[in-house]
Amino acid sequence: MSDKNTTTTKDDLAKVERSLYNATGISKNIFNTDGNMALEKSILNDESTIRNLILQFTIFFDRIV
């Protein structure tokens, strides 16, 4: 016996949460994983983003030196 208002509130909250993560471009599964595969894929995605940033810094500092 669940209250329909509670279910609607949870659905609205999930929609807001999903749109917030989508707007910022961050994977929501990095903190709240649905399974071990979601966390693994999220970490790989974040590592690939950071790798590009590190390569840009490497090129920048190589040019300075």
PDB file of N, CA and C in Angstrom:
ATOM      1  N   MET A   1       0.845  -1.178   0.000  1.00  0.00           N
ATOM      2  CA  MET A   1       0.000   0.000   0.000  1.00  0.00           C
ATOM      3  C   MET A   1       0.890   1.242   0.000  1.00  0.00           C
ATOM      4  N   SER A   2       1.214   1.735  -1.165  1.00  0.00           N
ATOM      5  CA  SER A   2       2.038   2.939  -1.241  1.00  0.00           C
ATOM      6  C   SER A   2       1.182   4.129  -1.626  1.00  0.00           C
ATOM      7  N   ASP A   3       1.592   5.265  -1.153  1.00  0.00           N
ATOM      8  CA  ASP A   3       0.895   6.504  -1.452  1.00  0.00           C
ATOM      9  C   ASP A   3       1.283   6.950  -2.862  1.00  0.00           C
ATOM     10  N   LYS A   4       0.311   7.315  -3.663  1.00  0.00           N
ATOM     11  CA  LYS A   4       0.591   7.729  -5.037  1.00  0.00           C
ATOM     12  C   LYS A   4       1.410   9.017  -5.072  1.00  0.00           C
ATOM     13  N   ASN A   5       1.202   9.892  -4.107  1.00  0.00           N
ATOM     14  CA  ASN A   5       1.979  11.136  -4.064  1.00  0.00           C
ATOM     15  C   ASN A   5       3.454  10.851  -3.823  1.00  0.00           C
ATOM     16  N   THR A   6       3.751   9.853  -3.004  1.00  0.00           N
ATOM     17  CA  THR A   6       5.141   9.489  -2.729  1.00  0.00           C
ATOM     18  C   THR A   6       5.811   8.981  -3.999  1.00  0.00           C
ATOM     19  N   THR A   7       5.118   8.148  -4.749  1.00  0.00           N
ATOM     20  CA  THR A   7       5.668   7.617  -5.994  1.00  0.00           C
ATOM     21  C   THR A   7       5.910   8.740  -6.987  1.00  0.00           C
ATOM     22  N   THR A   8       4.976   9.659  -7.104  1.00  0.00           N
ATOM     23  CA  THR A   8       5.131  10.790  -8.007  1.00  0.00           C
ATOM     24  C   THR A   8       6.302  11.656  -7.585  1.00  0.00           C
ATOM     25  N   THR A   9       6.445  11.882  -6.300  1.00  0.00           N
ATOM     26  CA  THR A   9       7.555  12.685  -5.796  1.00  0.00           C
ATOM     27  C   THR A   9       8.888  12.025  -6.136  1.00  0.00           C
ATOM     28  N   LYS A  10       8.982  10.725  -5.964  1.00  0.00           N
ATOM     29  CA  LYS A  10      10.217  10.018  -6.292  1.00  0.00           C
ATOM     30  C   LYS A  10      10.500  10.086  -7.782  1.00  0.00           C
ATOM     31  N   ASP A  11       9.463   9.961  -8.606  1.00  0.00           N
ATOM     32  CA  ASP A  11       9.655  10.035 -10.054  1.00  0.00           C
ATOM     33  C   ASP A  11      10.113  11.432 -10.463  1.00  0.00           C
ATOM     34  N   ASP A  12       9.510  12.465  -9.874  1.00  0.00           N
ATOM     35  CA  ASP A  12       9.923  13.838 -10.176  1.00  0.00           C
ATOM     36  C   ASP A  12      11.359  14.077  -9.732  1.00  0.00           C
ATOM     37  N   LEU A  13      11.707  13.569  -8.582  1.00  0.00           N
ATOM     38  CA  LEU A  13      13.072  13.714  -8.092  1.00  0.00           C
ATOM     39  C   LEU A  13      14.056  12.996  -9.005  1.00  0.00           C
ATOM     40  N   ALA A  14      13.697  11.826  -9.479  1.00  0.00           N
ATOM     41  CA  ALA A  14      14.561  11.078 -10.398  1.00  0.00           C
ATOM     42  C   ALA A  14      14.731  11.843 -11.702  1.00  0.00           C
ATOM     43  N   LYS A  15      13.672  12.476 -12.185  1.00  0.00           N
ATOM     44  CA  LYS A  15      13.759  13.264 -13.421  1.00  0.00           C
ATOM     45  C   LYS A  15      14.692  14.456 -13.240  1.00  0.00           C
ATOM     46  N   VAL A  16      14.570  15.145 -12.120  1.00  0.00           N
ATOM     47  CA  VAL A  16      15.424  16.294 -11.846  1.00  0.00           C
ATOM     48  C   VAL A  16      16.875  15.855 -11.699  1.00  0.00           C
ATOM     49  N   GLU A  17      17.088  14.770 -10.986  1.00  0.00           N
ATOM     50  CA  GLU A  17      18.440  14.252 -10.795  1.00  0.00           C
ATOM     51  C   GLU A  17      19.061  13.854 -12.132  1.00  0.00           C
ATOM     52  N   ARG A  18      18.296  13.160 -12.953  1.00  0.00           N
ATOM     53  CA  ARG A  18      18.798  12.728 -14.260  1.00  0.00           C
ATOM     54  C   ARG A  18      19.117  13.930 -15.144  1.00  0.00           C
ATOM     55  N   SER A  19      18.253  14.936 -15.159  1.00  0.00           N
ATOM     56  CA  SER A  19      18.509  16.114 -15.990  1.00  0.00           C
ATOM     57  C   SER A  19      19.711  16.905 -15.480  1.00  0.00           C
ATOM     58  N   LEU A  20      19.921  16.930 -14.175  1.00  0.00           N
ATOM     59  CA  LEU A  20      21.081  17.627 -13.612  1.00  0.00           C
ATOM     60  C   LEU A  20      22.377  16.951 -14.044  1.00  0.00           C
ATOM     61  N   TYR A  21      22.436  15.638 -13.925  1.00  0.00           N
ATOM     62  CA  TYR A  21      23.629  14.909 -14.348  1.00  0.00           C
ATOM     63  C   TYR A  21      23.848  15.053 -15.847  1.00  0.00           C
ATOM     64  N   ASN A  22      22.775  15.004 -16.634  1.00  0.00           N
ATOM     65  CA  ASN A  22      22.904  15.153 -18.090  1.00  0.00           C
ATOM     66  C   ASN A  22      23.388  16.551 -18.458  1.00  0.00           C
ATOM     67  N   ALA A  23      22.916  17.564 -17.761  1.00  0.00           N
ATOM     68  CA  ALA A  23      23.316  18.941 -18.061  1.00  0.00           C
ATOM     69  C   ALA A  23      24.789  19.190 -17.749  1.00  0.00           C
ATOM     70  N   THR A  24      25.294  18.563 -16.700  1.00  0.00           N
ATOM     71  CA  THR A  24      26.694  18.770 -16.331  1.00  0.00           C
ATOM     72  C   THR A  24      27.636  17.826 -17.056  1.00  0.00           C
ATOM     73  N   GLY A  25      27.098  16.790 -17.686  1.00  0.00           N
ATOM     74  CA  GLY A  25      27.930  15.849 -18.422  1.00  0.00           C
ATOM     75  C   GLY A  25      28.652  14.853 -17.542  1.00  0.00           C
ATOM     76  N   ILE A  26      28.161  14.669 -16.326  1.00  0.00           N
ATOM     77  CA  ILE A  26      28.766  13.736 -15.386  1.00  0.00           C
ATOM     78  C   ILE A  26      27.908  12.475 -15.331  1.00  0.00           C
ATOM     79  N   SER A  27      28.550  11.346 -15.281  1.00  0.00           N
ATOM     80  CA  SER A  27      27.818  10.095 -15.173  1.00  0.00           C
ATOM     81  C   SER A  27      27.253   9.949 -13.764  1.00  0.00           C
ATOM     82  N   LYS A  28      25.957   9.705 -13.667  1.00  0.00           N
ATOM     83  CA  LYS A  28      25.354   9.551 -12.342  1.00  0.00           C
ATOM     84  C   LYS A  28      25.778   8.255 -11.686  1.00  0.00           C
ATOM     85  N   ASN A  29      26.304   7.333 -12.459  1.00  0.00           N
ATOM     86  CA  ASN A  29      26.694   6.032 -11.912  1.00  0.00           C
ATOM     87  C   ASN A  29      28.044   6.062 -11.215  1.00  0.00           C
ATOM     88  N   ILE A  30      28.751   7.183 -11.253  1.00  0.00           N
ATOM     89  CA  ILE A  30      30.043   7.230 -10.578  1.00  0.00           C
ATOM     90  C   ILE A  30      29.869   7.182  -9.060  1.00  0.00           C
ATOM     91  N   PHE A  31      28.766   7.706  -8.550  1.00  0.00           N
ATOM     92  CA  PHE A  31      28.521   7.679  -7.109  1.00  0.00           C
ATOM     93  C   PHE A  31      27.458   6.659  -6.730  1.00  0.00           C
ATOM     94  N   ASN A  32      26.483   6.445  -7.592  1.00  0.00           N
ATOM     95  CA  ASN A  32      25.394   5.509  -7.321  1.00  0.00           C
ATOM     96  C   ASN A  32      25.351   4.479  -8.427  1.00  0.00           C
ATOM     97  N   THR A  33      26.094   3.427  -8.276  1.00  0.00           N
ATOM     98  CA  THR A  33      26.153   2.433  -9.333  1.00  0.00           C
ATOM     99  C   THR A  33      24.972   1.485  -9.258  1.00  0.00           C
ATOM    100  N   ASP A  34      24.540   1.063 -10.427  1.00  0.00           N
ATOM    101  CA  ASP A  34      23.486   0.053 -10.511  1.00  0.00           C
ATOM    102  C   ASP A  34      24.089  -1.337 -10.559  1.00  0.00           C
ATOM    103  N   GLY A  35      25.365  -1.414 -10.792  1.00  0.00           N
ATOM    104  CA  GLY A  35      26.056  -2.693 -10.861  1.00  0.00           C
ATOM    105  C   GLY A  35      27.537  -2.444 -11.062  1.00  0.00           C
ATOM    106  N   ASN A  36      28.308  -3.494 -11.068  1.00  0.00           N
ATOM    107  CA  ASN A  36      29.750  -3.324 -11.189  1.00  0.00           C
ATOM    108  C   ASN A  36      30.159  -2.887 -12.595  1.00  0.00           C
ATOM    109  N   MET A  37      29.387  -3.234 -13.616  1.00  0.00           N
ATOM    110  CA  MET A  37      29.708  -2.827 -14.984  1.00  0.00           C
ATOM    111  C   MET A  37      29.544  -1.316 -15.160  1.00  0.00           C
ATOM    112  N   ALA A  38      28.538  -0.737 -14.521  1.00  0.00           N
ATOM    113  CA  ALA A  38      28.309   0.697 -14.638  1.00  0.00           C
ATOM    114  C   ALA A  38      29.486   1.476 -14.048  1.00  0.00           C
ATOM    115  N   LEU A  39      29.981   1.038 -12.919  1.00  0.00           N
ATOM    116  CA  LEU A  39      31.109   1.709 -12.288  1.00  0.00           C
ATOM    117  C   LEU A  39      32.360   1.570 -13.150  1.00  0.00           C
ATOM    118  N   GLU A  40      32.585   0.399 -13.678  1.00  0.00           N
ATOM    119  CA  GLU A  40      33.767   0.160 -14.520  1.00  0.00           C
ATOM    120  C   GLU A  40      33.735   1.048 -15.761  1.00  0.00           C
ATOM    121  N   LYS A  41      32.609   1.132 -16.420  1.00  0.00           N
ATOM    122  CA  LYS A  41      32.486   1.960 -17.629  1.00  0.00           C
ATOM    123  C   LYS A  41      32.603   3.442 -17.287  1.00  0.00           C
ATOM    124  N   SER A  42      32.066   3.845 -16.161  1.00  0.00           N
ATOM    125  CA  SER A  42      32.160   5.237 -15.742  1.00  0.00           C
ATOM    126  C   SER A  42      33.609   5.628 -15.463  1.00  0.00           C
ATOM    127  N   ILE A  43      34.345   4.762 -14.809  1.00  0.00           N
ATOM    128  CA  ILE A  43      35.752   5.040 -14.512  1.00  0.00           C
ATOM    129  C   ILE A  43      36.553   5.110 -15.803  1.00  0.00           C
ATOM    130  N   LEU A  44      36.299   4.210 -16.748  1.00  0.00           N
ATOM    131  CA  LEU A  44      37.004   4.251 -18.037  1.00  0.00           C
ATOM    132  C   LEU A  44      36.709   5.541 -18.793  1.00  0.00           C
ATOM    133  N   ASN A  45      35.469   5.985 -18.727  1.00  0.00           N
ATOM    134  CA  ASN A  45      35.084   7.230 -19.383  1.00  0.00           C
ATOM    135  C   ASN A  45      35.801   8.417 -18.751  1.00  0.00           C
ATOM    136  N   ASP A  46      35.852   8.459 -17.438  1.00  0.00           N
ATOM    137  CA  ASP A  46      36.525   9.550 -16.740  1.00  0.00           C
ATOM    138  C   ASP A  46      38.028   9.525 -16.982  1.00  0.00           C
ATOM    139  N   GLU A  47      38.611   8.336 -17.034  1.00  0.00           N
ATOM    140  CA  GLU A  47      40.044   8.226 -17.306  1.00  0.00           C
ATOM    141  C   GLU A  47      40.382   8.730 -18.699  1.00  0.00           C
ATOM    142  N   SER A  48      39.530   8.453 -19.672  1.00  0.00           N
ATOM    143  CA  SER A  48      39.804   8.917 -21.029  1.00  0.00           C
ATOM    144  C   SER A  48      39.721  10.439 -21.118  1.00  0.00           C
ATOM    145  N   THR A  49      38.817  11.039 -20.361  1.00  0.00           N
ATOM    146  CA  THR A  49      38.718  12.498 -20.339  1.00  0.00           C
ATOM    147  C   THR A  49      39.957  13.116 -19.704  1.00  0.00           C
ATOM    148  N   ILE A  50      40.385  12.576 -18.587  1.00  0.00           N
ATOM    149  CA  ILE A  50      41.569  13.097 -17.886  1.00  0.00           C
ATOM    150  C   ILE A  50      42.829  12.871 -18.712  1.00  0.00           C
ATOM    151  N   ARG A  51      42.892  11.751 -19.432  1.00  0.00           N
ATOM    152  CA  ARG A  51      44.067  11.454 -20.258  1.00  0.00           C
ATOM    153  C   ARG A  51      44.262  12.543 -21.298  1.00  0.00           C
ATOM    154  N   ASN A  52      43.179  12.987 -21.943  1.00  0.00           N
ATOM    155  CA  ASN A  52      43.286  14.065 -22.929  1.00  0.00           C
ATOM    156  C   ASN A  52      43.783  15.353 -22.281  1.00  0.00           C
ATOM    157  N   LEU A  53      43.331  15.642 -21.088  1.00  0.00           N
ATOM    158  CA  LEU A  53      43.768  16.841 -20.375  1.00  0.00           C
ATOM    159  C   LEU A  53      45.256  16.760 -20.046  1.00  0.00           C
ATOM    160  N   ILE A  54      45.694  15.606 -19.593  1.00  0.00           N
ATOM    161  CA  ILE A  54      47.118  15.423 -19.265  1.00  0.00           C
ATOM    162  C   ILE A  54      47.979  15.570 -20.516  1.00  0.00           C
ATOM    163  N   LEU A  55      47.515  15.031 -21.633  1.00  0.00           N
ATOM    164  CA  LEU A  55      48.269  15.167 -22.884  1.00  0.00           C
ATOM    165  C   LEU A  55      48.382  16.639 -23.307  1.00  0.00           C
ATOM    166  N   GLN A  56      47.333  17.405 -23.105  1.00  0.00           N
ATOM    167  CA  GLN A  56      47.377  18.833 -23.434  1.00  0.00           C
ATOM    168  C   GLN A  56      48.387  19.557 -22.554  1.00  0.00           C
ATOM    169  N   PHE A  57      48.419  19.238 -21.264  1.00  0.00           N
ATOM    170  CA  PHE A  57      49.406  19.845 -20.371  1.00  0.00           C
ATOM    171  C   PHE A  57      50.821  19.433 -20.757  1.00  0.00           C
ATOM    172  N   THR A  58      51.001  18.189 -21.149  1.00  0.00           N
ATOM    173  CA  THR A  58      52.322  17.712 -21.558  1.00  0.00           C
ATOM    174  C   THR A  58      52.822  18.491 -22.774  1.00  0.00           C
ATOM    175  N   ILE A  59      51.972  18.667 -23.766  1.00  0.00           N
ATOM    176  CA  ILE A  59      52.355  19.431 -24.951  1.00  0.00           C
ATOM    177  C   ILE A  59      52.671  20.870 -24.582  1.00  0.00           C
ATOM    178  N   PHE A  60      51.859  21.470 -23.725  1.00  0.00           N
ATOM    179  CA  PHE A  60      52.062  22.856 -23.313  1.00  0.00           C
ATOM    180  C   PHE A  60      53.410  23.035 -22.622  1.00  0.00           C
ATOM    181  N   PHE A  61      53.697  22.168 -21.652  1.00  0.00           N
ATOM    182  CA  PHE A  61      54.958  22.307 -20.907  1.00  0.00           C
ATOM    183  C   PHE A  61      56.167  21.920 -21.751  1.00  0.00           C
ATOM    184  N   ASP A  62      56.010  21.013 -22.697  1.00  0.00           N
ATOM    185  CA  ASP A  62      57.106  20.693 -23.603  1.00  0.00           C
ATOM    186  C   ASP A  62      57.466  21.898 -24.463  1.00  0.00           C
ATOM    187  N   ARG A  63      56.477  22.651 -24.876  1.00  0.00           N
ATOM    188  CA  ARG A  63      56.732  23.853 -25.688  1.00  0.00           C
ATOM    189  C   ARG A  63      57.415  24.929 -24.854  1.00  0.00           C
ATOM    190  N   ILE A  64      57.055  25.025 -23.581  1.00  0.00           N
ATOM    191  CA  ILE A  64      57.686  26.024 -22.724  1.00  0.00           C
ATOM    192  C   ILE A  64      59.144  25.681 -22.492  1.00  0.00           C
ATOM    193  N   VAL A  65      59.426  24.424 -22.250  1.00  0.00           N
ATOM    194  CA  VAL A  65      60.792  23.987 -21.958  1.00  0.00           C
ATOM    195  C   VAL A  65      61.590  24.025 -23.239  1.00  0.00           C
TER     196      VAL A  65
END
